[in-house]
């Protein structure tokens, strides 16, 4: 799993039929404090996450284990929205 921040949305009218009706969000990996780095990528949203949310993403075969993404052509899926992160007893991120 990776920590990522939702930074945008993707609209696609022509796609694999298994992705019809699925929300595709643009996310960017972050460090443990929510600071983004790296290249953006697209993830299937299984939880109704929104722009600005810090999320956990699963990738590869692990990303195809949710009931929504099973047997679908996906590489990344949003599988949790983070409320807060705590490291060594200190809260380093808290959802506003």
PDB file of N, CA and C in Angstrom:
ATOM      1  N   UNK A   1       0.839  -1.179   0.000  1.00  0.00           N
ATOM      2  CA  UNK A   1       0.000   0.000   0.000  1.00  0.00           C
ATOM      3  C   UNK A   1       0.881   1.238   0.000  1.00  0.00           C
ATOM      4  N   UNK A   2       0.371   2.274  -0.657  1.00  0.00           N
ATOM      5  CA  UNK A   2       1.061   3.553  -0.697  1.00  0.00           C
ATOM      6  C   UNK A   2       0.135   4.635  -0.180  1.00  0.00           C
ATOM      7  N   UNK A   3       0.719   5.657   0.454  1.00  0.00           N
ATOM      8  CA  UNK A   3      -0.035   6.838   0.859  1.00  0.00           C
ATOM      9  C   UNK A   3      -0.013   7.793  -0.325  1.00  0.00           C
ATOM     10  N   UNK A   4      -1.186   8.334  -0.673  1.00  0.00           N
ATOM     11  CA  UNK A   4      -1.276   9.252  -1.813  1.00  0.00           C
ATOM     12  C   UNK A   4      -2.311  10.331  -1.521  1.00  0.00           C
ATOM     13  N   UNK A   5      -2.188  11.435  -2.239  1.00  0.00           N
ATOM     14  CA  UNK A   5      -3.151  12.527  -2.120  1.00  0.00           C
ATOM     15  C   UNK A   5      -3.930  12.631  -3.427  1.00  0.00           C
ATOM     16  N   UNK A   6      -5.243  12.763  -3.322  1.00  0.00           N
ATOM     17  CA  UNK A   6      -6.082  12.928  -4.508  1.00  0.00           C
ATOM     18  C   UNK A   6      -5.898  14.359  -5.003  1.00  0.00           C
ATOM     19  N   UNK A   7      -5.471  14.494  -6.269  1.00  0.00           N
ATOM     20  CA  UNK A   7      -5.193  15.826  -6.810  1.00  0.00           C
ATOM     21  C   UNK A   7      -6.091  16.189  -7.986  1.00  0.00           C
ATOM     22  N   UNK A   8      -6.918  15.253  -8.455  1.00  0.00           N
ATOM     23  CA  UNK A   8      -7.796  15.568  -9.580  1.00  0.00           C
ATOM     24  C   UNK A   8      -8.663  14.398  -9.973  1.00  0.00           C
ATOM     25  N   UNK A   9      -9.425  14.602 -11.040  1.00  0.00           N
ATOM     26  CA  UNK A   9     -10.321  13.564 -11.536  1.00  0.00           C
ATOM     27  C   UNK A   9     -10.018  13.272 -13.000  1.00  0.00           C
ATOM     28  N   UNK A  10     -10.452  12.113 -13.452  1.00  0.00           N
ATOM     29  CA  UNK A  10     -10.286  11.711 -14.844  1.00  0.00           C
ATOM     30  C   UNK A  10     -11.655  11.396 -15.416  1.00  0.00           C
ATOM     31  N   UNK A  11     -11.967  11.934 -16.576  1.00  0.00           N
ATOM     32  CA  UNK A  11     -13.210  11.640 -17.267  1.00  0.00           C
ATOM     33  C   UNK A  11     -12.862  10.828 -18.511  1.00  0.00           C
ATOM     34  N   UNK A  12     -13.512   9.671 -18.656  1.00  0.00           N
ATOM     35  CA  UNK A  12     -13.259   8.810 -19.802  1.00  0.00           C
ATOM     36  C   UNK A  12     -14.587   8.212 -20.258  1.00  0.00           C
ATOM     37  N   UNK A  13     -15.057   8.620 -21.428  1.00  0.00           N
ATOM     38  CA  UNK A  13     -16.334   8.100 -21.915  1.00  0.00           C
ATOM     39  C   UNK A  13     -16.173   6.767 -22.626  1.00  0.00           C
ATOM     40  N   UNK A  14     -14.981   6.494 -23.157  1.00  0.00           N
ATOM     41  CA  UNK A  14     -14.713   5.226 -23.818  1.00  0.00           C
ATOM     42  C   UNK A  14     -13.685   4.479 -22.983  1.00  0.00           C
ATOM     43  N   UNK A  15     -14.082   3.320 -22.438  1.00  0.00           N
ATOM     44  CA  UNK A  15     -13.188   2.544 -21.573  1.00  0.00           C
ATOM     45  C   UNK A  15     -13.657   1.097 -21.534  1.00  0.00           C
ATOM     46  N   UNK A  16     -12.857   0.244 -20.942  1.00  0.00           N
ATOM     47  CA  UNK A  16     -13.220  -1.162 -20.772  1.00  0.00           C
ATOM     48  C   UNK A  16     -14.557  -1.238 -20.041  1.00  0.00           C
ATOM     49  N   UNK A  17     -15.423  -2.135 -20.463  1.00  0.00           N
ATOM     50  CA  UNK A  17     -16.766  -2.226 -19.880  1.00  0.00           C
ATOM     51  C   UNK A  17     -16.748  -2.505 -18.383  1.00  0.00           C
ATOM     52  N   UNK A  18     -15.701  -3.130 -17.869  1.00  0.00           N
ATOM     53  CA  UNK A  18     -15.617  -3.409 -16.432  1.00  0.00           C
ATOM     54  C   UNK A  18     -15.346  -2.154 -15.614  1.00  0.00           C
ATOM     55  N   UNK A  19     -14.969  -1.064 -16.290  1.00  0.00           N
ATOM     56  CA  UNK A  19     -14.725   0.202 -15.605  1.00  0.00           C
ATOM     57  C   UNK A  19     -15.890   1.178 -15.744  1.00  0.00           C
ATOM     58  N   UNK A  20     -16.927   0.780 -16.466  1.00  0.00           N
ATOM     59  CA  UNK A  20     -18.093   1.649 -16.631  1.00  0.00           C
ATOM     60  C   UNK A  20     -18.723   1.935 -15.269  1.00  0.00           C
ATOM     61  N   UNK A  21     -18.975   3.210 -15.002  1.00  0.00           N
ATOM     62  CA  UNK A  21     -19.572   3.610 -13.736  1.00  0.00           C
ATOM     63  C   UNK A  21     -18.583   3.768 -12.603  1.00  0.00           C
ATOM     64  N   UNK A  22     -17.311   3.563 -12.857  1.00  0.00           N
ATOM     65  CA  UNK A  22     -16.286   3.691 -11.821  1.00  0.00           C
ATOM     66  C   UNK A  22     -15.639   5.067 -11.887  1.00  0.00           C
ATOM     67  N   UNK A  23     -15.433   5.659 -10.705  1.00  0.00           N
ATOM     68  CA  UNK A  23     -14.783   6.968 -10.640  1.00  0.00           C
ATOM     69  C   UNK A  23     -13.268   6.754 -10.683  1.00  0.00           C
ATOM     70  N   UNK A  24     -12.614   7.490 -11.571  1.00  0.00           N
ATOM     71  CA  UNK A  24     -11.166   7.422 -11.727  1.00  0.00           C
ATOM     72  C   UNK A  24     -10.568   8.730 -11.220  1.00  0.00           C
ATOM     73  N   UNK A  25      -9.702   8.640 -10.221  1.00  0.00           N
ATOM     74  CA  UNK A  25      -9.108   9.830  -9.629  1.00  0.00           C
ATOM     75  C   UNK A  25      -7.611   9.885  -9.902  1.00  0.00           C
ATOM     76  N   UNK A  26      -7.098  11.096 -10.019  1.00  0.00           N
ATOM     77  CA  UNK A  26      -5.658  11.305 -10.176  1.00  0.00           C
ATOM     78  C   UNK A  26      -5.083  11.479  -8.780  1.00  0.00           C
ATOM     79  N   UNK A  27      -4.088  10.676  -8.457  1.00  0.00           N
ATOM     80  CA  UNK A  27      -3.449  10.731  -7.146  1.00  0.00           C
ATOM     81  C   UNK A  27      -1.942  10.878  -7.319  1.00  0.00           C
ATOM     82  N   UNK A  28      -1.306  11.312  -6.256  1.00  0.00           N
ATOM     83  CA  UNK A  28       0.151  11.470  -6.260  1.00  0.00           C
ATOM     84  C   UNK A  28       0.670  10.961  -4.936  1.00  0.00           C
ATOM     85  N   UNK A  29       1.657  10.105  -4.975  1.00  0.00           N
ATOM     86  CA  UNK A  29       2.213   9.534  -3.757  1.00  0.00           C
ATOM     87  C   UNK A  29       2.728  10.632  -2.832  1.00  0.00           C
ATOM     88  N   UNK A  30       2.610  10.415  -1.509  1.00  0.00           N
ATOM     89  CA  UNK A  30       3.086  11.383  -0.519  1.00  0.00           C
ATOM     90  C   UNK A  30       3.989  10.691   0.488  1.00  0.00           C
ATOM     91  N   UNK A  31       4.674  11.513   1.272  1.00  0.00           N
ATOM     92  CA  UNK A  31       5.401  10.963   2.411  1.00  0.00           C
ATOM     93  C   UNK A  31       4.428  10.836   3.577  1.00  0.00           C
ATOM     94  N   UNK A  32       4.932  10.478   4.734  1.00  0.00           N
ATOM     95  CA  UNK A  32       4.058  10.223   5.892  1.00  0.00           C
ATOM     96  C   UNK A  32       3.390  11.476   6.450  1.00  0.00           C
ATOM     97  N   UNK A  33       3.818  12.660   6.023  1.00  0.00           N
ATOM     98  CA  UNK A  33       3.176  13.889   6.492  1.00  0.00           C
ATOM     99  C   UNK A  33       2.170  14.431   5.480  1.00  0.00           C
ATOM    100  N   UNK A  34       2.041  13.747   4.341  1.00  0.00           N
ATOM    101  CA  UNK A  34       1.109  14.188   3.313  1.00  0.00           C
ATOM    102  C   UNK A  34       1.729  15.074   2.258  1.00  0.00           C
ATOM    103  N   UNK A  35       3.053  15.239   2.267  1.00  0.00           N
ATOM    104  CA  UNK A  35       3.743  16.054   1.266  1.00  0.00           C
ATOM    105  C   UNK A  35       3.921  15.240  -0.020  1.00  0.00           C
ATOM    106  N   UNK A  36       3.319  15.699  -1.139  1.00  0.00           N
ATOM    107  CA  UNK A  36       3.378  14.937  -2.389  1.00  0.00           C
ATOM    108  C   UNK A  36       4.771  14.916  -3.010  1.00  0.00           C
ATOM    109  N   UNK A  37       5.055  13.821  -3.719  1.00  0.00           N
ATOM    110  CA  UNK A  37       6.270  13.705  -4.535  1.00  0.00           C
ATOM    111  C   UNK A  37       6.004  12.676  -5.626  1.00  0.00           C
ATOM    112  N   UNK A  38       6.844  12.641  -6.612  1.00  0.00           N
ATOM    113  CA  UNK A  38       6.692  11.664  -7.687  1.00  0.00           C
ATOM    114  C   UNK A  38       5.640  12.060  -8.705  1.00  0.00           C
ATOM    115  N   UNK A  39       5.438  11.157  -9.663  1.00  0.00           N
ATOM    116  CA  UNK A  39       4.509  11.410 -10.762  1.00  0.00           C
ATOM    117  C   UNK A  39       3.084  11.054 -10.363  1.00  0.00           C
ATOM    118  N   UNK A  40       2.108  11.809 -10.866  1.00  0.00           N
ATOM    119  CA  UNK A  40       0.703  11.457 -10.634  1.00  0.00           C
ATOM    120  C   UNK A  40       0.340  10.168 -11.364  1.00  0.00           C
ATOM    121  N   UNK A  41      -0.658   9.469 -10.861  1.00  0.00           N
ATOM    122  CA  UNK A  41      -1.190   8.284 -11.521  1.00  0.00           C
ATOM    123  C   UNK A  41      -2.690   8.209 -11.264  1.00  0.00           C
ATOM    124  N   UNK A  42      -3.362   7.355 -12.004  1.00  0.00           N
ATOM    125  CA  UNK A  42      -4.815   7.210 -11.894  1.00  0.00           C
ATOM    126  C   UNK A  42      -5.135   5.977 -11.067  1.00  0.00           C
ATOM    127  N   UNK A  43      -6.115   6.122 -10.164  1.00  0.00           N
ATOM    128  CA  UNK A  43      -6.565   5.004  -9.334  1.00  0.00           C
ATOM    129  C   UNK A  43      -8.082   4.931  -9.361  1.00  0.00           C
ATOM    130  N   UNK A  44      -8.619   3.714  -9.349  1.00  0.00           N
ATOM    131  CA  UNK A  44     -10.064   3.524  -9.263  1.00  0.00           C
ATOM    132  C   UNK A  44     -10.485   3.812  -7.826  1.00  0.00           C
ATOM    133  N   UNK A  45     -11.506   4.643  -7.679  1.00  0.00           N
ATOM    134  CA  UNK A  45     -12.009   5.015  -6.356  1.00  0.00           C
ATOM    135  C   UNK A  45     -13.113   4.052  -5.934  1.00  0.00           C
ATOM    136  N   UNK A  46     -12.913   3.355  -4.814  1.00  0.00           N
ATOM    137  CA  UNK A  46     -13.927   2.426  -4.311  1.00  0.00           C
ATOM    138  C   UNK A  46     -14.690   3.003  -3.127  1.00  0.00           C
ATOM    139  N   UNK A  47     -14.345   4.232  -2.701  1.00  0.00           N
ATOM    140  CA  UNK A  47     -14.869   4.766  -1.436  1.00  0.00           C
ATOM    141  C   UNK A  47     -15.484   6.151  -1.513  1.00  0.00           C
ATOM    142  N   UNK A  48     -15.586   6.731  -2.665  1.00  0.00           N
ATOM    143  CA  UNK A  48     -16.081   8.096  -2.821  1.00  0.00           C
ATOM    144  C   UNK A  48     -15.136   9.118  -2.195  1.00  0.00           C
ATOM    145  N   UNK A  49     -13.840   8.930  -2.425  1.00  0.00           N
ATOM    146  CA  UNK A  49     -12.835   9.901  -1.989  1.00  0.00           C
ATOM    147  C   UNK A  49     -12.971  11.155  -2.851  1.00  0.00           C
ATOM    148  N   UNK A  50     -12.351  12.247  -2.409  1.00  0.00           N
ATOM    149  CA  UNK A  50     -12.424  13.494  -3.153  1.00  0.00           C
ATOM    150  C   UNK A  50     -11.092  14.200  -3.226  1.00  0.00           C
ATOM    151  N   UNK A  51     -11.033  15.210  -4.061  1.00  0.00           N
ATOM    152  CA  UNK A  51      -9.810  15.997  -4.216  1.00  0.00           C
ATOM    153  C   UNK A  51      -9.402  16.544  -2.852  1.00  0.00           C
ATOM    154  N   UNK A  52      -8.130  16.387  -2.517  1.00  0.00           N
ATOM    155  CA  UNK A  52      -7.589  16.847  -1.247  1.00  0.00           C
ATOM    156  C   UNK A  52      -7.479  15.747  -0.207  1.00  0.00           C
ATOM    157  N   UNK A  53      -8.202  14.632  -0.389  1.00  0.00           N
ATOM    158  CA  UNK A  53      -8.134  13.533   0.580  1.00  0.00           C
ATOM    159  C   UNK A  53      -6.792  12.830   0.512  1.00  0.00           C
ATOM    160  N   UNK A  54      -6.306  12.412   1.671  1.00  0.00           N
ATOM    161  CA  UNK A  54      -5.141  11.540   1.763  1.00  0.00           C
ATOM    162  C   UNK A  54      -5.684  10.117   1.823  1.00  0.00           C
ATOM    163  N   UNK A  55      -5.168   9.239   0.972  1.00  0.00           N
ATOM    164  CA  UNK A  55      -5.729   7.905   0.825  1.00  0.00           C
ATOM    165  C   UNK A  55      -4.640   6.840   0.846  1.00  0.00           C
ATOM    166  N   UNK A  56      -5.065   5.590   1.027  1.00  0.00           N
ATOM    167  CA  UNK A  56      -4.188   4.444   0.841  1.00  0.00           C
ATOM    168  C   UNK A  56      -4.551   3.799  -0.480  1.00  0.00           C
ATOM    169  N   UNK A  57      -3.544   3.473  -1.280  1.00  0.00           N
ATOM    170  CA  UNK A  57      -3.788   2.822  -2.557  1.00  0.00           C
ATOM    171  C   UNK A  57      -3.121   1.458  -2.570  1.00  0.00           C
ATOM    172  N   UNK A  58      -3.783   0.509  -3.198  1.00  0.00           N
ATOM    173  CA  UNK A  58      -3.221  -0.829  -3.424  1.00  0.00           C
ATOM    174  C   UNK A  58      -2.923  -0.939  -4.909  1.00  0.00           C
ATOM    175  N   UNK A  59      -1.896  -1.711  -5.249  1.00  0.00           N
ATOM    176  CA  UNK A  59      -1.422  -1.768  -6.628  1.00  0.00           C
ATOM    177  C   UNK A  59      -1.264  -3.197  -7.115  1.00  0.00           C
ATOM    178  N   UNK A  60      -1.258  -3.340  -8.444  1.00  0.00           N
ATOM    179  CA  UNK A  60      -1.059  -4.644  -9.061  1.00  0.00           C
ATOM    180  C   UNK A  60      -2.167  -5.610  -8.696  1.00  0.00           C
ATOM    181  N   UNK A  61      -1.794  -6.863  -8.463  1.00  0.00           N
ATOM    182  CA  UNK A  61      -2.806  -7.880  -8.168  1.00  0.00           C
ATOM    183  C   UNK A  61      -3.564  -7.560  -6.886  1.00  0.00           C
ATOM    184  N   UNK A  62      -2.938  -6.880  -5.926  1.00  0.00           N
ATOM    185  CA  UNK A  62      -3.616  -6.467  -4.702  1.00  0.00           C
ATOM    186  C   UNK A  62      -4.720  -5.459  -4.984  1.00  0.00           C
ATOM    187  N   UNK A  63      -4.556  -4.647  -6.021  1.00  0.00           N
ATOM    188  CA  UNK A  63      -5.554  -3.668  -6.394  1.00  0.00           C
ATOM    189  C   UNK A  63      -6.783  -4.288  -7.039  1.00  0.00           C
ATOM    190  N   UNK A  64      -6.662  -5.543  -7.420  1.00  0.00           N
ATOM    191  CA  UNK A  64      -7.791  -6.229  -8.051  1.00  0.00           C
ATOM    192  C   UNK A  64      -8.514  -7.164  -7.076  1.00  0.00           C
ATOM    193  N   UNK A  65      -8.331  -6.949  -5.790  1.00  0.00           N
ATOM    194  CA  UNK A  65      -8.946  -7.814  -4.787  1.00  0.00           C
ATOM    195  C   UNK A  65     -10.201  -7.240  -4.153  1.00  0.00           C
ATOM    196  N   UNK A  66     -10.585  -6.003  -4.488  1.00  0.00           N
ATOM    197  CA  UNK A  66     -11.826  -5.459  -3.936  1.00  0.00           C
ATOM    198  C   UNK A  66     -13.003  -5.999  -4.743  1.00  0.00           C
ATOM    199  N   UNK A  67     -14.188  -5.948  -4.177  1.00  0.00           N
ATOM    200  CA  UNK A  67     -15.357  -6.432  -4.917  1.00  0.00           C
ATOM    201  C   UNK A  67     -15.619  -5.583  -6.154  1.00  0.00           C
ATOM    202  N   UNK A  68     -15.260  -4.317  -6.108  1.00  0.00           N
ATOM    203  CA  UNK A  68     -15.478  -3.418  -7.251  1.00  0.00           C
ATOM    204  C   UNK A  68     -14.472  -3.661  -8.368  1.00  0.00           C
ATOM    205  N   UNK A  69     -13.236  -4.026  -8.030  1.00  0.00           N
ATOM    206  CA  UNK A  69     -12.189  -4.137  -9.051  1.00  0.00           C
ATOM    207  C   UNK A  69     -11.830  -5.574  -9.419  1.00  0.00           C
ATOM    208  N   UNK A  70     -12.481  -6.549  -8.817  1.00  0.00           N
ATOM    209  CA  UNK A  70     -12.151  -7.951  -9.101  1.00  0.00           C
ATOM    210  C   UNK A  70     -12.287  -8.234 -10.600  1.00  0.00           C
ATOM    211  N   UNK A  71     -11.241  -8.858 -11.152  1.00  0.00           N
ATOM    212  CA  UNK A  71     -11.190  -9.228 -12.576  1.00  0.00           C
ATOM    213  C   UNK A  71     -11.314  -8.026 -13.514  1.00  0.00           C
ATOM    214  N   UNK A  72     -10.856  -6.876 -13.058  1.00  0.00           N
ATOM    215  CA  UNK A  72     -10.876  -5.667 -13.884  1.00  0.00           C
ATOM    216  C   UNK A  72      -9.449  -5.283 -14.269  1.00  0.00           C
ATOM    217  N   UNK A  73      -9.284  -4.567 -15.373  1.00  0.00           N
ATOM    218  CA  UNK A  73      -7.954  -4.163 -15.821  1.00  0.00           C
ATOM    219  C   UNK A  73      -7.456  -2.916 -15.080  1.00  0.00           C
ATOM    220  N   UNK A  74      -7.189  -3.063 -13.782  1.00  0.00           N
ATOM    221  CA  UNK A  74      -6.728  -1.923 -12.985  1.00  0.00           C
ATOM    222  C   UNK A  74      -5.373  -2.239 -12.371  1.00  0.00           C
ATOM    223  N   UNK A  75      -4.598  -1.187 -12.151  1.00  0.00           N
ATOM    224  CA  UNK A  75      -3.299  -1.329 -11.512  1.00  0.00           C
ATOM    225  C   UNK A  75      -3.259  -0.637 -10.164  1.00  0.00           C
ATOM    226  N   UNK A  76      -4.160   0.329  -9.935  1.00  0.00           N
ATOM    227  CA  UNK A  76      -4.177   1.056  -8.663  1.00  0.00           C
ATOM    228  C   UNK A  76      -5.616   1.290  -8.240  1.00  0.00           C
ATOM    229  N   UNK A  77      -5.864   1.143  -6.942  1.00  0.00           N
ATOM    230  CA  UNK A  77      -7.207   1.322  -6.407  1.00  0.00           C
ATOM    231  C   UNK A  77      -7.121   2.054  -5.070  1.00  0.00           C
ATOM    232  N   UNK A  78      -8.033   2.990  -4.846  1.00  0.00           N
ATOM    233  CA  UNK A  78      -8.125   3.666  -3.550  1.00  0.00           C
ATOM    234  C   UNK A  78      -8.942   2.765  -2.644  1.00  0.00           C
ATOM    235  N   UNK A  79      -8.321   2.301  -1.552  1.00  0.00           N
ATOM    236  CA  UNK A  79      -8.998   1.356  -0.681  1.00  0.00           C
ATOM    237  C   UNK A  79      -9.174   1.840   0.743  1.00  0.00           C
ATOM    238  N   UNK A  80      -8.739   3.064   1.051  1.00  0.00           N
ATOM    239  CA  UNK A  80      -8.960   3.657   2.379  1.00  0.00           C
ATOM    240  C   UNK A  80      -8.746   5.163   2.294  1.00  0.00           C
ATOM    241  N   UNK A  81      -9.540   5.910   3.051  1.00  0.00           N
ATOM    242  CA  UNK A  81      -9.344   7.354   3.218  1.00  0.00           C
ATOM    243  C   UNK A  81      -8.758   7.543   4.611  1.00  0.00           C
ATOM    244  N   UNK A  82      -7.648   8.254   4.696  1.00  0.00           N
ATOM    245  CA  UNK A  82      -6.918   8.408   5.961  1.00  0.00           C
ATOM    246  C   UNK A  82      -7.505   9.553   6.781  1.00  0.00           C
ATOM    247  N   UNK A  83      -7.789   9.269   8.058  1.00  0.00           N
ATOM    248  CA  UNK A  83      -8.253  10.299   8.988  1.00  0.00           C
ATOM    249  C   UNK A  83      -7.078  10.984   9.662  1.00  0.00           C
ATOM    250  N   UNK A  84      -6.110  10.187  10.131  1.00  0.00           N
ATOM    251  CA  UNK A  84      -4.884  10.762  10.683  1.00  0.00           C
ATOM    252  C   UNK A  84      -3.777   9.720  10.637  1.00  0.00           C
ATOM    253  N   UNK A  85      -2.539  10.226  10.660  1.00  0.00           N
ATOM    254  CA  UNK A  85      -1.352   9.377  10.705  1.00  0.00           C
ATOM    255  C   UNK A  85      -0.582   9.698  11.970  1.00  0.00           C
ATOM    256  N   UNK A  86      -0.152   8.664  12.657  1.00  0.00           N
ATOM    257  CA  UNK A  86       0.617   8.842  13.891  1.00  0.00           C
ATOM    258  C   UNK A  86       1.922   8.058  13.772  1.00  0.00           C
ATOM    259  N   UNK A  87       3.028   8.739  14.042  1.00  0.00           N
ATOM    260  CA  UNK A  87       4.352   8.114  14.018  1.00  0.00           C
ATOM    261  C   UNK A  87       5.051   8.383  15.337  1.00  0.00           C
ATOM    262  N   UNK A  88       5.543   7.329  15.974  1.00  0.00           N
ATOM    263  CA  UNK A  88       6.275   7.449  17.237  1.00  0.00           C
ATOM    264  C   UNK A  88       5.490   8.269  18.265  1.00  0.00           C
ATOM    265  N   UNK A  89       4.175   8.047  18.299  1.00  0.00           N
ATOM    266  CA  UNK A  89       3.352   8.724  19.286  1.00  0.00           C
ATOM    267  C   UNK A  89       2.962  10.153  18.939  1.00  0.00           C
ATOM    268  N   UNK A  90       3.386  10.642  17.781  1.00  0.00           N
ATOM    269  CA  UNK A  90       3.067  12.008  17.350  1.00  0.00           C
ATOM    270  C   UNK A  90       2.183  11.987  16.108  1.00  0.00           C
ATOM    271  N   UNK A  91       1.106  12.750  16.136  1.00  0.00           N
ATOM    272  CA  UNK A  91       0.235  12.858  14.971  1.00  0.00           C
ATOM    273  C   UNK A  91       0.932  13.755  13.954  1.00  0.00           C
ATOM    274  N   UNK A  92       1.224  13.184  12.775  1.00  0.00           N
ATOM    275  CA  UNK A  92       1.936  13.940  11.721  1.00  0.00           C
ATOM    276  C   UNK A  92       0.990  14.406  10.628  1.00  0.00           C
ATOM    277  N   UNK A  93      -0.227  13.856  10.610  1.00  0.00           N
ATOM    278  CA  UNK A  93      -1.237  14.290   9.648  1.00  0.00           C
ATOM    279  C   UNK A  93      -2.610  14.092  10.287  1.00  0.00           C
ATOM    280  N   UNK A  94      -3.471  15.077  10.127  1.00  0.00           N
ATOM    281  CA  UNK A  94      -4.862  14.966  10.579  1.00  0.00           C
ATOM    282  C   UNK A  94      -5.743  15.592   9.503  1.00  0.00           C
ATOM    283  N   UNK A  95      -6.767  14.844   9.081  1.00  0.00           N
ATOM    284  CA  UNK A  95      -7.689  15.340   8.063  1.00  0.00           C
ATOM    285  C   UNK A  95      -8.401  16.573   8.601  1.00  0.00           C
ATOM    286  N   UNK A  96      -8.471  17.604   7.784  1.00  0.00           N
ATOM    287  CA  UNK A  96      -9.106  18.859   8.193  1.00  0.00           C
ATOM    288  C   UNK A  96     -10.597  18.746   8.214  1.00  0.00           C
TER     289      UNK A  96
END
